[in-house]
Protein backbone atom coordinates (compact mmCIF):
# COMPACT_ATOMS: atom_id res chain seq x y z
CA MET A 1 -0.41 34.93 6.51
CA PRO A 2 -1.11 31.67 4.57
CA ARG A 3 0.39 28.48 5.95
CA LYS A 4 3.19 26.86 3.98
CA ASN A 5 2.39 23.57 2.31
CA PRO A 6 4.90 21.06 3.82
CA TYR A 7 4.42 18.81 0.78
CA ALA A 8 5.21 21.45 -1.86
CA LYS A 9 9.01 21.45 -1.66
CA PRO A 10 10.88 18.30 -2.71
CA ASP A 11 12.94 16.84 0.14
CA HIS A 12 15.92 14.48 -0.08
CA PHE A 13 13.61 11.43 -0.26
CA THR A 14 11.80 12.95 -3.25
CA ARG A 15 15.05 13.71 -5.02
CA ALA A 16 16.48 10.26 -4.25
CA ALA A 17 13.34 8.57 -5.62
CA LYS A 18 13.61 10.51 -8.89
CA ASP A 19 17.30 9.67 -9.15
CA ALA A 20 16.48 5.97 -8.72
CA GLY A 21 13.78 6.08 -11.41
CA PHE A 22 10.71 6.05 -9.14
CA PRO A 23 7.93 8.62 -9.52
CA ALA A 24 7.39 9.22 -5.78
CA ARG A 25 9.22 9.21 -2.46
CA SER A 26 6.75 6.62 -1.11
CA VAL A 27 9.04 3.92 -2.53
CA PHE A 28 11.29 4.37 0.51
CA LYS A 29 8.41 3.64 2.87
CA LEU A 30 7.80 0.29 1.19
CA GLU A 31 11.54 -0.38 0.97
CA GLU A 32 11.85 0.11 4.75
CA ILE A 33 8.82 -2.07 5.50
CA ASP A 34 10.25 -4.73 3.19
CA ARG A 35 13.68 -4.52 4.83
CA ARG A 36 12.22 -4.79 8.34
CA THR A 37 9.72 -7.58 7.63
CA HIS A 38 11.23 -9.51 4.67
CA LEU A 39 7.98 -8.88 2.84
CA LEU A 40 8.90 -9.40 -0.82
CA LYS A 41 10.78 -12.35 -2.32
CA GLY A 42 11.25 -13.85 -5.76
CA GLY A 43 8.21 -15.54 -7.27
CA LEU A 44 5.55 -13.93 -5.07
CA ARG A 45 2.22 -12.63 -6.40
CA VAL A 46 1.37 -9.12 -5.26
CA LEU A 47 -1.79 -6.99 -5.43
CA ASP A 48 -1.12 -3.24 -5.07
CA LEU A 49 -4.28 -1.25 -4.29
CA GLY A 50 -4.08 2.50 -4.78
CA ALA A 51 -0.96 2.03 -6.87
CA ALA A 52 -0.59 5.44 -8.56
CA PRO A 53 1.82 6.96 -9.30
CA GLY A 54 3.44 3.51 -9.38
CA SER A 55 6.48 3.51 -7.09
CA TRP A 56 5.26 0.64 -4.91
CA SER A 57 4.31 -1.52 -7.91
CA LYS A 58 7.62 -0.90 -9.65
CA TYR A 59 9.58 -1.71 -6.49
CA ALA A 60 7.50 -4.84 -5.81
CA ALA A 61 7.92 -6.04 -9.40
CA GLN A 62 11.68 -5.67 -9.11
CA LYS A 63 11.74 -7.60 -5.83
CA VAL A 64 9.53 -10.52 -6.93
CA GLY A 65 11.51 -10.86 -10.15
CA PRO A 66 10.56 -12.41 -13.48
CA THR A 67 8.79 -15.39 -11.90
CA GLY A 68 6.66 -13.15 -9.66
CA ARG A 69 3.62 -11.12 -10.63
CA VAL A 70 2.24 -7.72 -9.59
CA LEU A 71 -1.21 -6.30 -10.32
CA ALA A 72 -1.38 -2.52 -9.82
CA VAL A 73 -4.85 -1.00 -9.38
CA ASP A 74 -5.78 2.69 -9.19
CA LEU A 75 -8.34 5.22 -10.38
CA GLU A 76 -5.50 7.32 -11.81
CA PRO A 77 -3.00 6.36 -14.52
CA LEU A 78 0.47 5.37 -13.41
CA ALA A 79 3.33 7.84 -13.87
CA THR A 80 5.89 5.14 -14.58
CA ALA A 81 6.31 2.14 -16.84
CA LEU A 82 6.07 -1.25 -15.16
CA PRO A 83 8.27 -4.23 -16.03
CA PRO A 84 6.84 -7.20 -17.95
CA ASN A 85 5.97 -9.16 -14.79
CA ALA A 86 3.51 -6.43 -13.70
CA ALA A 87 0.12 -5.33 -15.05
CA TYR A 88 -1.96 -2.22 -14.44
CA LEU A 89 -5.73 -2.12 -14.06
CA GLN A 90 -7.39 1.31 -14.04
CA GLY A 91 -10.52 1.53 -11.92
CA ASP A 92 -11.94 1.68 -8.42
CA ALA A 93 -10.55 -1.30 -6.52
CA PHE A 94 -13.81 -1.52 -4.59
CA SER A 95 -16.08 -1.38 -7.65
CA LEU A 96 -14.10 -3.84 -9.75
CA SER A 97 -15.21 -7.46 -9.45
CA ASP A 98 -13.08 -10.08 -7.75
CA ASP A 99 -12.71 -11.61 -11.22
CA ASP A 100 -11.08 -8.38 -12.43
CA LEU A 101 -8.75 -8.27 -9.44
CA SER A 102 -7.92 -11.98 -9.60
CA ARG A 103 -5.56 -11.85 -12.58
CA PHE A 104 -2.67 -13.24 -10.48
CA ALA A 105 -4.65 -14.47 -7.46
CA PRO A 106 -4.37 -15.85 -4.91
CA TYR A 107 -1.96 -13.15 -3.74
CA ASP A 108 0.94 -13.74 -1.38
CA VAL A 109 1.06 -10.03 -0.52
CA VAL A 110 -1.67 -7.38 -0.65
CA LEU A 111 -0.48 -3.77 -0.42
CA SER A 112 -2.60 -0.67 0.14
CA ASP A 113 -1.09 2.81 0.14
CA MET A 114 -4.55 4.30 -0.36
CA ALA A 115 -5.44 7.56 1.34
CA PRO A 116 -8.51 9.75 1.07
CA ARG A 117 -8.39 13.07 -0.73
CA THR A 118 -7.96 15.11 2.41
CA THR A 119 -10.51 17.81 3.18
CA GLY A 120 -8.81 19.55 6.10
CA ASN A 121 -11.46 18.11 8.41
CA ARG A 122 -9.31 15.83 10.57
CA ILE A 123 -12.17 13.68 11.89
CA TRP A 124 -13.65 13.14 8.42
CA ASP A 125 -10.25 12.38 6.87
CA GLN A 126 -9.45 9.87 9.62
CA ALA A 127 -12.82 8.16 9.17
CA ARG A 128 -12.29 7.86 5.41
CA SER A 129 -8.78 6.49 5.94
CA PHE A 130 -10.15 3.84 8.30
CA GLU A 131 -12.82 2.91 5.76
CA LEU A 132 -10.24 2.52 2.97
CA PHE A 133 -8.00 0.43 5.21
CA MET A 134 -10.85 -1.90 6.19
CA ARG A 135 -12.05 -2.29 2.61
CA ALA A 136 -8.52 -3.11 1.43
CA LEU A 137 -8.26 -5.64 4.23
CA ALA A 138 -11.51 -7.23 3.06
CA VAL A 139 -10.06 -7.59 -0.46
CA ALA A 140 -6.97 -9.21 1.05
CA ASP A 141 -9.19 -11.58 3.01
CA ARG A 142 -10.98 -12.69 -0.18
CA LEU A 143 -8.04 -12.84 -2.58
CA GLY A 144 -5.00 -13.46 -0.36
CA VAL A 145 -3.38 -16.86 -0.04
CA ARG A 146 -3.39 -18.68 3.29
CA GLY A 147 -0.21 -17.64 5.12
CA GLY A 148 -0.08 -14.40 3.12
CA THR A 149 0.80 -10.86 4.17
CA PHE A 150 -1.04 -7.51 4.20
CA VAL A 151 0.34 -3.96 4.40
CA GLY A 152 -2.11 -1.07 4.67
CA LYS A 153 -1.84 2.66 5.32
CA ILE A 154 -4.12 4.23 7.90
CA PHE A 155 -4.26 7.63 9.61
CA MET A 156 -3.76 7.46 13.37
CA SER A 157 -7.09 7.96 15.13
CA ASP A 158 -9.46 6.43 17.67
CA ASP A 159 -10.32 3.84 14.98
CA LEU A 160 -6.81 2.37 15.03
CA PRO A 161 -7.55 -0.23 17.76
CA ALA A 162 -10.48 -1.57 15.69
CA ALA A 163 -8.26 -1.82 12.62
CA ARG A 164 -5.62 -3.70 14.61
CA ALA A 165 -8.22 -6.03 16.08
CA GLU A 166 -9.37 -6.97 12.57
CA LEU A 167 -5.76 -7.60 11.54
CA ARG A 168 -5.35 -9.94 14.54
CA ARG A 169 -8.57 -11.74 13.66
CA LEU A 170 -7.45 -12.43 10.10
CA TYR A 171 -3.70 -12.88 10.54
CA ALA A 172 -1.39 -14.67 12.97
CA SER A 173 0.66 -11.54 13.71
CA GLU A 174 0.38 -7.80 13.26
CA ARG A 175 2.47 -4.72 13.97
CA LEU A 176 2.51 -1.01 13.23
CA ILE A 177 5.36 0.61 11.31
CA ARG A 178 5.93 4.32 10.76
CA PRO A 179 8.70 4.46 8.15
CA GLU A 180 11.46 7.02 8.39
CA GLY A 181 10.35 8.47 5.03
CA THR A 182 7.01 9.58 6.52
CA ARG A 183 6.79 13.36 6.73
CA SER A 184 6.78 14.74 10.27
CA VAL A 185 3.41 16.47 9.72
CA SER A 186 1.74 13.23 8.58
CA THR A 187 -0.44 11.06 10.83
CA GLU A 188 -0.11 8.02 8.58
CA ILE A 189 1.08 4.66 9.85
CA PHE A 190 1.17 1.21 8.27
CA GLY A 191 -0.48 -1.89 9.63
CA VAL A 192 1.56 -4.95 8.68
CA ALA A 193 0.08 -8.42 9.19
CA ALA A 194 1.51 -11.84 8.37
CA GLY A 195 0.25 -15.41 8.38
CA LYS A 196 -3.24 -15.11 6.91
CA ARG A 197 -5.40 -17.61 8.73
CA GLU A 198 -7.65 -18.85 5.93
């Protein structure tokens, strides 16, 4: 008997996101992280890596307001319109030049909700997730403002201590947050770091 896909049926988070005008339930993960860490404020500059379908960018743009700026980057087109204080750049965040990514740099906040296209091979998927997390962190290191903040998704694995060690090297504080909106079958967690050292 084939296994049911736990992601196929919309849950109350999915329905609530649609009702609020966001294309995906992931908005509630960022909203919780923001509420718990006071991440986003008016006037901040935000880089959103792996932005599609656009919920995080739209939420961030609303929170930073008309004096703030958001640059959304993804291989895929966004499924939502962004407000005037946000821009979208289609492409591979790791192939684009720093000049391309620097439209609103230096960034106060760098977000990464990137995840690999899962293969079903847990070890491979975890390794790819770790690689994406570390590459996003490297972008934040280059383009983030001193004192800035980073939020990155990573799958829980034996690589997690190395990811946390790199966060502690680059930032004054770090913590892990698993938002309530995360599906029970998911191994994802978010590394949140504040106080970029350089």
